[in-house]
Amino acid sequence: MDLETRIKQLEARVAVLEAQEQIRECLARYSFNADLGRSEEYVNNYTRDGVIDLAPSTKWTGSKQLMDFIGSPGGGHKAIEGRCQHTSMNYFIRVDGDKAWAEGYSVVYLKKGDKYEVFTCGFNHWDFVKHGDRWLLKYRYRRPVGGEEWGGKVIRDYLKAPP
């Protein structure tokens, strides 16, 4: 293999690694912004038509609904804001040009008095799109660990036959 081909292959591999790291940062922004009550930053981490899908009948679509979910005083998330820690882990991240997906787990811890308890554990599938020089969330699918819809088809298929 000639040097030019090797350099092009190396550049392509580095681009994928950089994209995966930027996606990890996007997931970190998601968690920290939720925990710290930075509602605008939380919503701006999504595309304008972004979706949070927490159950078949519990979805928020678009910037306005996402802001209602995260920032409304009567909204569900405000009740735990400042006492929660969103933790994401064990992600498989796959990049395909300006689109990507990730699957893994999330655990939300909640402070109750002087103790910390697990509030929820979930399996997540995330879709991302590249917008300019950063990756944005397009779609988040989350289901409780061990629930009826637990464990994504993508990751199950991937684990059977990795690329």
Protein backbone atom coordinates (compact mmCIF):
# COMPACT_ATOMS: atom_id res chain seq x y z
CA MET A 1 0.00 0.00 0.00
CA ASP A 2 1.42 3.38 -0.94
CA LEU A 3 1.97 6.21 1.52
CA GLU A 4 -0.83 8.40 0.14
CA THR A 5 -3.40 5.62 0.58
CA ARG A 6 -2.16 4.89 4.11
CA ILE A 7 -2.42 8.59 5.05
CA LYS A 8 -5.98 8.81 3.68
CA GLN A 9 -6.99 5.72 5.64
CA LEU A 10 -5.40 7.12 8.78
CA GLU A 11 -7.14 10.48 8.33
CA ALA A 12 -10.49 8.69 7.93
CA ARG A 13 -9.90 6.69 11.11
CA VAL A 14 -8.90 9.81 13.06
CA ALA A 15 -12.04 11.61 11.82
CA VAL A 16 -14.22 8.80 13.20
CA LEU A 17 -12.39 8.90 16.56
CA GLU A 18 -12.81 12.68 16.74
CA ALA A 19 -16.53 12.35 15.94
CA GLN A 20 -16.96 9.71 18.65
CA GLU A 21 -15.29 12.00 21.19
CA GLN A 22 -17.50 14.94 20.16
CA ILE A 23 -20.56 12.70 20.57
CA ARG A 24 -19.40 11.72 24.08
CA GLU A 25 -19.13 15.44 24.84
CA CYS A 26 -22.66 15.96 23.48
CA LEU A 27 -23.92 13.27 25.89
CA ALA A 28 -22.01 14.93 28.76
CA ARG A 29 -23.56 18.32 27.88
CA TYR A 30 -26.98 16.64 27.94
CA SER A 31 -26.43 15.30 31.45
CA PHE A 32 -24.75 18.34 33.01
CA ASN A 33 -27.25 20.80 31.54
CA ALA A 34 -30.15 18.72 32.88
CA ASP A 35 -28.57 18.43 36.33
CA LEU A 36 -27.70 22.11 36.61
CA GLY A 37 -31.00 23.48 35.30
CA ARG A 38 -29.48 25.04 32.19
CA SER A 39 -32.66 24.59 30.18
CA GLU A 40 -31.67 26.63 27.11
CA GLU A 41 -28.34 24.84 26.79
CA TYR A 42 -30.13 21.52 27.24
CA VAL A 43 -32.56 22.27 24.41
CA ASN A 44 -29.79 23.72 22.20
CA ASN A 45 -28.03 20.36 22.41
CA TYR A 46 -30.86 19.00 20.23
CA THR A 47 -31.83 19.68 16.63
CA ARG A 48 -34.89 21.93 16.30
CA ASP A 49 -37.04 18.87 15.60
CA GLY A 50 -35.32 16.73 18.25
CA VAL A 51 -37.27 14.06 20.12
CA ILE A 52 -37.16 12.56 23.61
CA ASP A 53 -39.03 9.23 23.61
CA LEU A 54 -39.32 7.89 27.16
CA ALA A 55 -42.28 5.56 26.57
CA PRO A 56 -44.67 4.74 23.75
CA SER A 57 -47.04 7.45 25.01
CA THR A 58 -44.45 9.83 26.51
CA LYS A 59 -42.63 11.88 23.88
CA TRP A 60 -41.56 15.47 23.42
CA THR A 61 -40.84 16.73 19.90
CA GLY A 62 -39.27 20.01 18.84
CA SER A 63 -37.61 22.84 20.75
CA LYS A 64 -40.80 24.14 22.37
CA GLN A 65 -41.86 20.77 23.78
CA LEU A 66 -38.29 20.00 24.86
CA MET A 67 -38.21 23.32 26.75
CA ASP A 68 -41.55 22.44 28.37
CA PHE A 69 -40.09 19.08 29.44
CA ILE A 70 -36.89 20.47 30.95
CA GLY A 71 -37.73 24.02 31.96
CA SER A 72 -41.37 24.47 32.86
CA PRO A 73 -41.98 25.06 36.58
CA GLY A 74 -44.79 22.48 36.47
CA GLY A 75 -42.72 20.11 34.31
CA GLY A 76 -41.48 16.80 35.57
CA HIS A 77 -37.78 17.52 35.47
CA LYS A 78 -37.93 20.70 37.58
CA ALA A 79 -39.03 18.54 40.52
CA ILE A 80 -35.60 16.85 40.66
CA GLU A 81 -33.38 19.65 39.31
CA GLY A 82 -30.44 20.48 41.55
CA ARG A 83 -30.72 17.11 43.32
CA CYS A 84 -30.08 14.80 40.37
CA GLN A 85 -27.06 13.36 38.62
CA HIS A 86 -27.50 11.96 35.12
CA THR A 87 -24.84 9.38 34.30
CA SER A 88 -24.32 7.84 30.86
CA MET A 89 -22.09 4.85 30.28
CA ASN A 90 -21.03 1.87 28.16
CA TYR A 91 -21.84 3.50 24.86
CA PHE A 92 -21.34 1.89 21.50
CA ILE A 93 -20.96 4.83 19.11
CA ARG A 94 -21.09 4.37 15.35
CA VAL A 95 -20.44 7.21 12.90
CA ASP A 96 -21.57 7.30 9.29
CA GLY A 97 -20.60 10.61 7.71
CA ASP A 98 -22.72 13.40 9.24
CA LYS A 99 -24.99 10.94 11.09
CA ALA A 100 -24.29 8.71 14.04
CA TRP A 101 -25.97 6.59 16.67
CA ALA A 102 -25.06 5.45 20.15
CA GLU A 103 -26.55 2.89 22.50
CA GLY A 104 -25.82 2.36 26.16
CA TYR A 105 -27.09 2.86 29.67
CA SER A 106 -28.10 5.79 31.81
CA VAL A 107 -28.57 6.00 35.55
CA VAL A 108 -30.07 8.99 37.32
CA TYR A 109 -29.18 9.40 40.99
CA LEU A 110 -31.34 11.55 43.23
CA LYS A 111 -30.40 13.16 46.54
CA LYS A 112 -32.99 12.53 49.25
CA GLY A 113 -31.96 14.15 52.51
CA ASP A 114 -28.38 13.05 53.17
CA LYS A 115 -28.61 9.98 50.94
CA TYR A 116 -28.36 9.32 47.23
CA GLU A 117 -30.67 6.81 45.60
CA VAL A 118 -31.00 5.43 42.12
CA PHE A 119 -33.97 7.26 40.62
CA THR A 120 -34.04 5.39 37.32
CA CYS A 121 -31.93 3.07 35.14
CA GLY A 122 -32.43 2.92 31.41
CA PHE A 123 -31.29 1.66 28.07
CA ASN A 124 -30.82 4.46 25.52
CA HIS A 125 -30.60 4.67 21.77
CA TRP A 126 -29.47 8.11 20.56
CA ASP A 127 -29.37 9.44 16.99
CA PHE A 128 -27.06 12.36 16.18
CA VAL A 129 -26.50 14.68 13.25
CA LYS A 130 -23.52 16.90 12.61
CA HIS A 131 -24.45 20.57 12.41
CA GLY A 132 -21.51 22.75 11.46
CA ASP A 133 -18.64 21.76 13.71
CA ARG A 134 -20.66 20.06 16.45
CA TRP A 135 -22.89 17.04 16.89
CA LEU A 136 -26.50 17.49 17.99
CA LEU A 137 -29.04 15.08 19.38
CA LYS A 138 -31.81 14.21 16.94
CA TYR A 139 -33.62 11.44 18.79
CA ARG A 140 -33.39 9.83 22.22
CA TYR A 141 -35.16 6.54 22.84
CA ARG A 142 -35.05 5.40 26.48
CA ARG A 143 -36.63 2.42 28.16
CA PRO A 144 -36.23 1.12 31.72
CA VAL A 145 -33.66 -1.62 32.22
CA GLY A 146 -35.46 -4.94 32.40
CA GLY A 147 -38.69 -3.47 31.04
CA GLU A 148 -40.73 -4.86 28.18
CA GLU A 149 -38.90 -2.83 25.52
CA TRP A 150 -35.43 -3.07 27.10
CA GLY A 151 -32.33 -3.48 24.95
CA GLY A 152 -32.20 -2.05 21.46
CA LYS A 153 -32.42 -4.08 18.30
CA VAL A 154 -29.38 -2.29 16.87
CA ILE A 155 -27.05 -3.28 19.70
CA ARG A 156 -28.43 -6.81 19.93
CA ASP A 157 -27.78 -7.27 16.21
CA TYR A 158 -24.36 -5.63 16.51
CA LEU A 159 -23.28 -7.91 19.33
CA LYS A 160 -24.21 -10.96 17.23
CA ALA A 161 -22.02 -9.87 14.33
CA PRO A 162 -19.80 -6.82 14.94
CA PRO A 163 -18.51 -5.05 11.82
